[in-house]
Amino acid sequence: MTASIRLVLFDMEGVLSHYDRSARVDRLAAISGQTPEAVRHAIWGSGLEARADAGQISDEDYLSALGELLNYPVSRDEWLSARYASITPNAEVLALAERVAERQRIAVLTNNCRLLTEHIDFLNPPVAQLFGPHVYASAAFGAAKPAAQTYLRCVEQLGVPPAETLFVDDTDANVTGALDAGLQGYQFVSAKALSAELKRYGLIERA
């Protein structure tokens, strides 16, 4: 290890929670009266979600643009209901994060617009309870993972050097981005494997 770890920075969807994109699409399709294919194009195919995650547009402009693409005025509550349908907390990983918090600091860095962090109490109550105010959306930093700016501005806000931060994400590109930015990184595959890695770092007690 090149440095001791003072902060473990977790991705949310795919790590702290399971993400069901189809559930989100189906819910928004039912709300808007559009086909799932049209919803997928509006969110991802058009590039709208990527722009929102990178903080290039405001939440209001994001919802307005989504409504235009779907030919239906999507309200904040409707968007939230679709996002809620896609999120299932991962109890095993949350339990590991809680154990880490007994020794070191923990936080969340997720590729999302600010709507998610503003409404994290509703969207993912266990994450909100465990991490408190330290759930950060990429949009707040003006870039999405794997851009170095995303990680560096996040750890700067937390007051922890990159080299003393362990970043955990399920996506290889995002872990590589963290490593390139000077953080330590680990690609999540399972709670069991993550537990072993956290023990190796001395971040949780060995059984």
C-alpha atoms as a PDB file:
ATOM      1  CA  MET A   1       0.000   0.000   0.000  1.00  0.00           C
ATOM      2  CA  THR A   2       1.333   3.409  -0.939  1.00  0.00           C
ATOM      3  CA  ALA A   3      -0.548   5.253   1.805  1.00  0.00           C
ATOM      4  CA  SER A   4      -2.847   4.575   4.714  1.00  0.00           C
ATOM      5  CA  ILE A   5      -6.531   5.021   3.944  1.00  0.00           C
ATOM      6  CA  ARG A   6      -8.473   7.781   5.699  1.00  0.00           C
ATOM      7  CA  LEU A   7     -11.539   7.780   3.440  1.00  0.00           C
ATOM      8  CA  VAL A   8     -13.459   5.081   1.589  1.00  0.00           C
ATOM      9  CA  LEU A   9     -15.428   6.594  -1.279  1.00  0.00           C
ATOM     10  CA  PHE A  10     -18.211   4.327  -2.541  1.00  0.00           C
ATOM     11  CA  ASP A  11     -20.098   4.354  -5.798  1.00  0.00           C
ATOM     12  CA  MET A  12     -23.810   3.947  -5.133  1.00  0.00           C
ATOM     13  CA  GLU A  13     -25.586   2.064  -7.916  1.00  0.00           C
ATOM     14  CA  GLY A  14     -23.941  -1.285  -8.516  1.00  0.00           C
ATOM     15  CA  VAL A  15     -22.181  -1.171  -5.137  1.00  0.00           C
ATOM     16  CA  LEU A  16     -24.278   0.203  -2.264  1.00  0.00           C
ATOM     17  CA  SER A  17     -27.463  -0.610  -4.146  1.00  0.00           C
ATOM     18  CA  HIS A  18     -28.655  -2.725  -7.035  1.00  0.00           C
ATOM     19  CA  TYR A  19     -29.739  -0.726 -10.085  1.00  0.00           C
ATOM     20  CA  ASP A  20     -32.636  -1.928 -12.249  1.00  0.00           C
ATOM     21  CA  ARG A  21     -32.608   0.260 -15.347  1.00  0.00           C
ATOM     22  CA  SER A  22     -35.565  -1.619 -16.838  1.00  0.00           C
ATOM     23  CA  ALA A  23     -37.739  -0.831 -13.818  1.00  0.00           C
ATOM     24  CA  ARG A  24     -36.946   2.862 -14.234  1.00  0.00           C
ATOM     25  CA  VAL A  25     -37.739   2.726 -17.950  1.00  0.00           C
ATOM     26  CA  ASP A  26     -40.981   0.807 -17.482  1.00  0.00           C
ATOM     27  CA  ARG A  27     -42.188   3.189 -14.791  1.00  0.00           C
ATOM     28  CA  LEU A  28     -41.483   6.270 -16.887  1.00  0.00           C
ATOM     29  CA  ALA A  29     -43.053   4.625 -19.943  1.00  0.00           C
ATOM     30  CA  ALA A  30     -46.238   3.994 -17.958  1.00  0.00           C
ATOM     31  CA  ILE A  31     -46.256   7.596 -16.708  1.00  0.00           C
ATOM     32  CA  SER A  32     -45.638   9.208 -20.095  1.00  0.00           C
ATOM     33  CA  GLY A  33     -47.563   6.830 -22.316  1.00  0.00           C
ATOM     34  CA  GLN A  34     -44.453   6.275 -24.434  1.00  0.00           C
ATOM     35  CA  THR A  35     -42.760   3.006 -25.361  1.00  0.00           C
ATOM     36  CA  PRO A  36     -39.788   1.736 -23.327  1.00  0.00           C
ATOM     37  CA  GLU A  37     -37.637   2.238 -26.424  1.00  0.00           C
ATOM     38  CA  ALA A  38     -38.645   5.903 -26.578  1.00  0.00           C
ATOM     39  CA  VAL A  39     -37.828   6.342 -22.884  1.00  0.00           C
ATOM     40  CA  ARG A  40     -34.408   4.731 -23.248  1.00  0.00           C
ATOM     41  CA  HIS A  41     -33.605   7.004 -26.169  1.00  0.00           C
ATOM     42  CA  ALA A  42     -34.805  10.107 -24.301  1.00  0.00           C
ATOM     43  CA  ILE A  43     -32.687   9.375 -21.239  1.00  0.00           C
ATOM     44  CA  TRP A  44     -29.538   7.790 -22.659  1.00  0.00           C
ATOM     45  CA  GLY A  45     -29.653   7.726 -26.457  1.00  0.00           C
ATOM     46  CA  SER A  46     -30.078  11.486 -26.694  1.00  0.00           C
ATOM     47  CA  GLY A  47     -27.151  12.151 -24.377  1.00  0.00           C
ATOM     48  CA  LEU A  48     -29.448  13.973 -21.931  1.00  0.00           C
ATOM     49  CA  GLU A  49     -28.544  11.859 -18.889  1.00  0.00           C
ATOM     50  CA  ALA A  50     -24.825  12.246 -19.557  1.00  0.00           C
ATOM     51  CA  ARG A  51     -25.191  16.031 -19.740  1.00  0.00           C
ATOM     52  CA  ALA A  52     -27.130  16.090 -16.473  1.00  0.00           C
ATOM     53  CA  ASP A  53     -24.625  13.812 -14.723  1.00  0.00           C
ATOM     54  CA  ALA A  54     -21.810  16.125 -15.820  1.00  0.00           C
ATOM     55  CA  GLY A  55     -23.613  19.180 -14.434  1.00  0.00           C
ATOM     56  CA  GLN A  56     -23.924  20.764 -17.863  1.00  0.00           C
ATOM     57  CA  ILE A  57     -27.618  21.545 -17.357  1.00  0.00           C
ATOM     58  CA  SER A  58     -29.751  22.371 -14.338  1.00  0.00           C
ATOM     59  CA  ASP A  59     -32.248  19.947 -12.856  1.00  0.00           C
ATOM     60  CA  GLU A  60     -35.097  22.091 -14.164  1.00  0.00           C
ATOM     61  CA  ASP A  61     -33.667  22.123 -17.691  1.00  0.00           C
ATOM     62  CA  TYR A  62     -33.088  18.367 -17.473  1.00  0.00           C
ATOM     63  CA  LEU A  63     -36.708  17.678 -16.576  1.00  0.00           C
ATOM     64  CA  SER A  64     -37.915  20.103 -19.228  1.00  0.00           C
ATOM     65  CA  ALA A  65     -35.763  18.499 -21.930  1.00  0.00           C
ATOM     66  CA  LEU A  66     -36.890  15.032 -20.867  1.00  0.00           C
ATOM     67  CA  GLY A  67     -40.493  16.164 -21.146  1.00  0.00           C
ATOM     68  CA  GLU A  68     -39.909  17.522 -24.624  1.00  0.00           C
ATOM     69  CA  LEU A  69     -38.283  14.292 -25.776  1.00  0.00           C
ATOM     70  CA  LEU A  70     -41.176  12.246 -24.390  1.00  0.00           C
ATOM     71  CA  ASN A  71     -43.866  14.703 -25.453  1.00  0.00           C
ATOM     72  CA  TYR A  72     -45.070  14.598 -21.847  1.00  0.00           C
ATOM     73  CA  PRO A  73     -44.368  17.097 -19.034  1.00  0.00           C
ATOM     74  CA  VAL A  74     -42.430  14.911 -16.575  1.00  0.00           C
ATOM     75  CA  SER A  75     -42.755  16.353 -13.066  1.00  0.00           C
ATOM     76  CA  ARG A  76     -40.114  16.087 -10.367  1.00  0.00           C
ATOM     77  CA  ASP A  77     -42.289  13.660  -8.401  1.00  0.00           C
ATOM     78  CA  GLU A  78     -42.797  11.462 -11.455  1.00  0.00           C
ATOM     79  CA  TRP A  79     -39.085  11.382 -12.174  1.00  0.00           C
ATOM     80  CA  LEU A  80     -38.422  10.486  -8.542  1.00  0.00           C
ATOM     81  CA  SER A  81     -40.961   7.663  -8.607  1.00  0.00           C
ATOM     82  CA  ALA A  82     -39.218   6.141 -11.629  1.00  0.00           C
ATOM     83  CA  ARG A  83     -35.791   6.466 -10.009  1.00  0.00           C
ATOM     84  CA  TYR A  84     -37.090   4.972  -6.767  1.00  0.00           C
ATOM     85  CA  ALA A  85     -38.342   1.936  -8.685  1.00  0.00           C
ATOM     86  CA  SER A  86     -34.806   1.312  -9.948  1.00  0.00           C
ATOM     87  CA  ILE A  87     -33.003   1.278  -6.583  1.00  0.00           C
ATOM     88  CA  THR A  88     -32.704  -1.649  -4.173  1.00  0.00           C
ATOM     89  CA  PRO A  89     -30.231  -1.142  -1.296  1.00  0.00           C
ATOM     90  CA  ASN A  90     -27.497  -3.777  -0.976  1.00  0.00           C
ATOM     91  CA  ALA A  91     -27.672  -4.665   2.705  1.00  0.00           C
ATOM     92  CA  GLU A  92     -24.415  -6.661   2.703  1.00  0.00           C
ATOM     93  CA  VAL A  93     -22.330  -3.816   1.310  1.00  0.00           C
ATOM     94  CA  LEU A  94     -24.031  -1.240   3.511  1.00  0.00           C
ATOM     95  CA  ALA A  95     -23.101  -3.369   6.526  1.00  0.00           C
ATOM     96  CA  LEU A  96     -19.466  -3.336   5.387  1.00  0.00           C
ATOM     97  CA  ALA A  97     -19.551   0.440   4.952  1.00  0.00           C
ATOM     98  CA  GLU A  98     -20.958   0.777   8.448  1.00  0.00           C
ATOM     99  CA  ARG A  99     -18.030  -1.250   9.790  1.00  0.00           C
ATOM    100  CA  VAL A 100     -15.553   0.942   7.910  1.00  0.00           C
ATOM    101  CA  ALA A 101     -17.182   4.019   9.454  1.00  0.00           C
ATOM    102  CA  GLU A 102     -16.170   2.746  12.895  1.00  0.00           C
ATOM    103  CA  ARG A 103     -12.531   3.371  11.932  1.00  0.00           C
ATOM    104  CA  GLN A 104     -12.382   5.812   9.022  1.00  0.00           C
ATOM    105  CA  ARG A 105     -14.515   8.254   7.065  1.00  0.00           C
ATOM    106  CA  ILE A 106     -16.935   7.137   4.360  1.00  0.00           C
ATOM    107  CA  ALA A 107     -18.690   8.984   1.543  1.00  0.00           C
ATOM    108  CA  VAL A 108     -20.518   8.334  -1.729  1.00  0.00           C
ATOM    109  CA  LEU A 109     -19.618   9.593  -5.217  1.00  0.00           C
ATOM    110  CA  THR A 110     -22.216   8.714  -7.841  1.00  0.00           C
ATOM    111  CA  ASN A 111     -22.682   9.679 -11.484  1.00  0.00           C
ATOM    112  CA  ASN A 112     -26.006  11.436 -11.162  1.00  0.00           C
ATOM    113  CA  CYS A 113     -27.701  14.799 -11.346  1.00  0.00           C
ATOM    114  CA  ARG A 114     -28.387  16.802  -8.206  1.00  0.00           C
ATOM    115  CA  LEU A 115     -31.963  15.525  -8.050  1.00  0.00           C
ATOM    116  CA  LEU A 116     -30.650  12.281  -6.619  1.00  0.00           C
ATOM    117  CA  THR A 117     -28.679  13.798  -3.771  1.00  0.00           C
ATOM    118  CA  GLU A 118     -31.387  16.354  -2.998  1.00  0.00           C
ATOM    119  CA  HIS A 119     -33.886  13.517  -2.562  1.00  0.00           C
ATOM    120  CA  ILE A 120     -31.620  10.746  -1.272  1.00  0.00           C
ATOM    121  CA  ASP A 121     -33.761  10.389   1.884  1.00  0.00           C
ATOM    122  CA  PHE A 122     -36.633   9.225  -0.336  1.00  0.00           C
ATOM    123  CA  LEU A 123     -34.689   7.408  -3.046  1.00  0.00           C
ATOM    124  CA  ASN A 124     -32.332   5.388  -0.861  1.00  0.00           C
ATOM    125  CA  PRO A 125     -33.097   5.749   2.871  1.00  0.00           C
ATOM    126  CA  PRO A 126     -30.377   3.337   4.132  1.00  0.00           C
ATOM    127  CA  VAL A 127     -27.682   5.247   2.228  1.00  0.00           C
ATOM    128  CA  ALA A 128     -29.041   8.555   3.477  1.00  0.00           C
ATOM    129  CA  GLN A 129     -29.031   7.305   7.062  1.00  0.00           C
ATOM    130  CA  LEU A 130     -25.514   5.868   6.951  1.00  0.00           C
ATOM    131  CA  PHE A 131     -23.712   8.538   4.929  1.00  0.00           C
ATOM    132  CA  GLY A 132     -25.647  11.628   6.011  1.00  0.00           C
ATOM    133  CA  PRO A 133     -24.597  14.732   4.055  1.00  0.00           C
ATOM    134  CA  HIS A 134     -21.679  12.948   2.414  1.00  0.00           C
ATOM    135  CA  VAL A 135     -23.513  11.684  -0.671  1.00  0.00           C
ATOM    136  CA  TYR A 136     -22.146  13.538  -3.689  1.00  0.00           C
ATOM    137  CA  ALA A 137     -23.458  13.647  -7.241  1.00  0.00           C
ATOM    138  CA  SER A 138     -20.998  14.101 -10.088  1.00  0.00           C
ATOM    139  CA  ALA A 139     -23.093  17.016 -11.357  1.00  0.00           C
ATOM    140  CA  ALA A 140     -21.973  19.053  -8.350  1.00  0.00           C
ATOM    141  CA  PHE A 141     -18.381  18.837  -9.573  1.00  0.00           C
ATOM    142  CA  GLY A 142     -18.997  19.739 -13.207  1.00  0.00           C
ATOM    143  CA  ALA A 143     -17.911  16.402 -14.663  1.00  0.00           C
ATOM    144  CA  ALA A 144     -18.842  12.734 -14.479  1.00  0.00           C
ATOM    145  CA  LYS A 145     -16.637   9.784 -13.639  1.00  0.00           C
ATOM    146  CA  PRO A 146     -14.130   8.793 -15.002  1.00  0.00           C
ATOM    147  CA  ALA A 147     -12.998  12.423 -15.427  1.00  0.00           C
ATOM    148  CA  ALA A 148     -10.257  13.235 -12.903  1.00  0.00           C
ATOM    149  CA  GLN A 149     -12.020  16.457 -11.919  1.00  0.00           C
ATOM    150  CA  THR A 150     -14.912  14.487 -10.441  1.00  0.00           C
ATOM    151  CA  TYR A 151     -12.777  12.571  -7.951  1.00  0.00           C
ATOM    152  CA  LEU A 152     -10.384  15.406  -7.152  1.00  0.00           C
ATOM    153  CA  ARG A 153     -13.054  17.981  -6.397  1.00  0.00           C
ATOM    154  CA  CYS A 154     -14.918  15.468  -4.259  1.00  0.00           C
ATOM    155  CA  VAL A 155     -11.948  14.533  -2.061  1.00  0.00           C
ATOM    156  CA  GLU A 156     -10.910  18.189  -1.892  1.00  0.00           C
ATOM    157  CA  GLN A 157     -14.329  19.031  -0.481  1.00  0.00           C
ATOM    158  CA  LEU A 158     -13.900  16.239   2.053  1.00  0.00           C
ATOM    159  CA  GLY A 159     -10.401  17.448   2.950  1.00  0.00           C
ATOM    160  CA  VAL A 160      -8.677  14.123   2.299  1.00  0.00           C
ATOM    161  CA  PRO A 161      -5.668  13.657  -0.031  1.00  0.00           C
ATOM    162  CA  PRO A 162      -6.368  11.509  -3.112  1.00  0.00           C
ATOM    163  CA  ALA A 163      -3.650   9.011  -2.143  1.00  0.00           C
ATOM    164  CA  GLU A 164      -5.370   8.412   1.206  1.00  0.00           C
ATOM    165  CA  THR A 165      -8.716   7.668  -0.433  1.00  0.00           C
ATOM    166  CA  LEU A 166      -9.917   4.226  -1.513  1.00  0.00           C
ATOM    167  CA  PHE A 167     -12.509   4.433  -4.279  1.00  0.00           C
ATOM    168  CA  VAL A 168     -14.872   1.478  -4.800  1.00  0.00           C
ATOM    169  CA  ASP A 169     -16.866   1.177  -8.043  1.00  0.00           C
ATOM    170  CA  ASP A 170     -18.274  -1.677 -10.105  1.00  0.00           C
ATOM    171  CA  THR A 171     -17.158  -0.148 -13.428  1.00  0.00           C
ATOM    172  CA  ASP A 172     -13.614  -0.727 -14.626  1.00  0.00           C
ATOM    173  CA  ALA A 173     -13.379   2.646 -16.391  1.00  0.00           C
ATOM    174  CA  ASN A 174     -14.379   4.501 -13.227  1.00  0.00           C
ATOM    175  CA  VAL A 175     -11.810   2.663 -11.105  1.00  0.00           C
ATOM    176  CA  THR A 176      -9.143   3.387 -13.722  1.00  0.00           C
ATOM    177  CA  GLY A 177     -10.164   7.043 -13.681  1.00  0.00           C
ATOM    178  CA  ALA A 178      -9.735   7.145  -9.914  1.00  0.00           C
ATOM    179  CA  LEU A 179      -6.302   5.551 -10.140  1.00  0.00           C
ATOM    180  CA  ASP A 180      -5.267   8.032 -12.834  1.00  0.00           C
ATOM    181  CA  ALA A 181      -6.413  10.858 -10.524  1.00  0.00           C
ATOM    182  CA  GLY A 182      -4.153   9.582  -7.742  1.00  0.00           C
ATOM    183  CA  LEU A 183      -6.679   7.729  -5.618  1.00  0.00           C
ATOM    184  CA  GLN A 184      -6.430   4.086  -4.668  1.00  0.00           C
ATOM    185  CA  GLY A 185      -9.090   1.991  -6.344  1.00  0.00           C
ATOM    186  CA  TYR A 186     -10.930  -1.294  -6.145  1.00  0.00           C
ATOM    187  CA  GLN A 187     -13.392  -2.774  -8.630  1.00  0.00           C
ATOM    188  CA  PHE A 188     -16.408  -4.196  -6.824  1.00  0.00           C
ATOM    189  CA  VAL A 189     -17.625  -7.668  -7.782  1.00  0.00           C
ATOM    190  CA  SER A 190     -19.221  -8.967  -4.572  1.00  0.00           C
ATOM    191  CA  ALA A 191     -19.653  -8.142  -0.907  1.00  0.00           C
ATOM    192  CA  LYS A 192     -17.483 -11.132   0.020  1.00  0.00           C
ATOM    193  CA  ALA A 193     -14.576  -9.961  -2.139  1.00  0.00           C
ATOM    194  CA  LEU A 194     -14.939  -6.376  -0.918  1.00  0.00           C
ATOM    195  CA  SER A 195     -14.861  -7.576   2.675  1.00  0.00           C
ATOM    196  CA  ALA A 196     -11.547  -9.310   2.026  1.00  0.00           C
ATOM    197  CA  GLU A 197     -10.129  -6.169   0.413  1.00  0.00           C
ATOM    198  CA  LEU A 198     -11.223  -3.939   3.281  1.00  0.00           C
ATOM    199  CA  LYS A 199      -9.612  -6.353   5.735  1.00  0.00           C
ATOM    200  CA  ARG A 200      -6.411  -6.269   3.682  1.00  0.00           C
ATOM    201  CA  TYR A 201      -6.344  -2.489   4.073  1.00  0.00           C
ATOM    202  CA  GLY A 202      -7.066  -2.792   7.793  1.00  0.00           C
ATOM    203  CA  LEU A 203     -10.328  -0.893   7.350  1.00  0.00           C
ATOM    204  CA  ILE A 204     -12.445  -3.531   9.056  1.00  0.00           C
ATOM    205  CA  GLU A 205     -11.504  -6.145  11.613  1.00  0.00           C
ATOM    206  CA  ARG A 206     -10.594  -9.638  10.546  1.00  0.00           C
ATOM    207  CA  ALA A 207     -12.902 -12.346  11.799  1.00  0.00           C
END
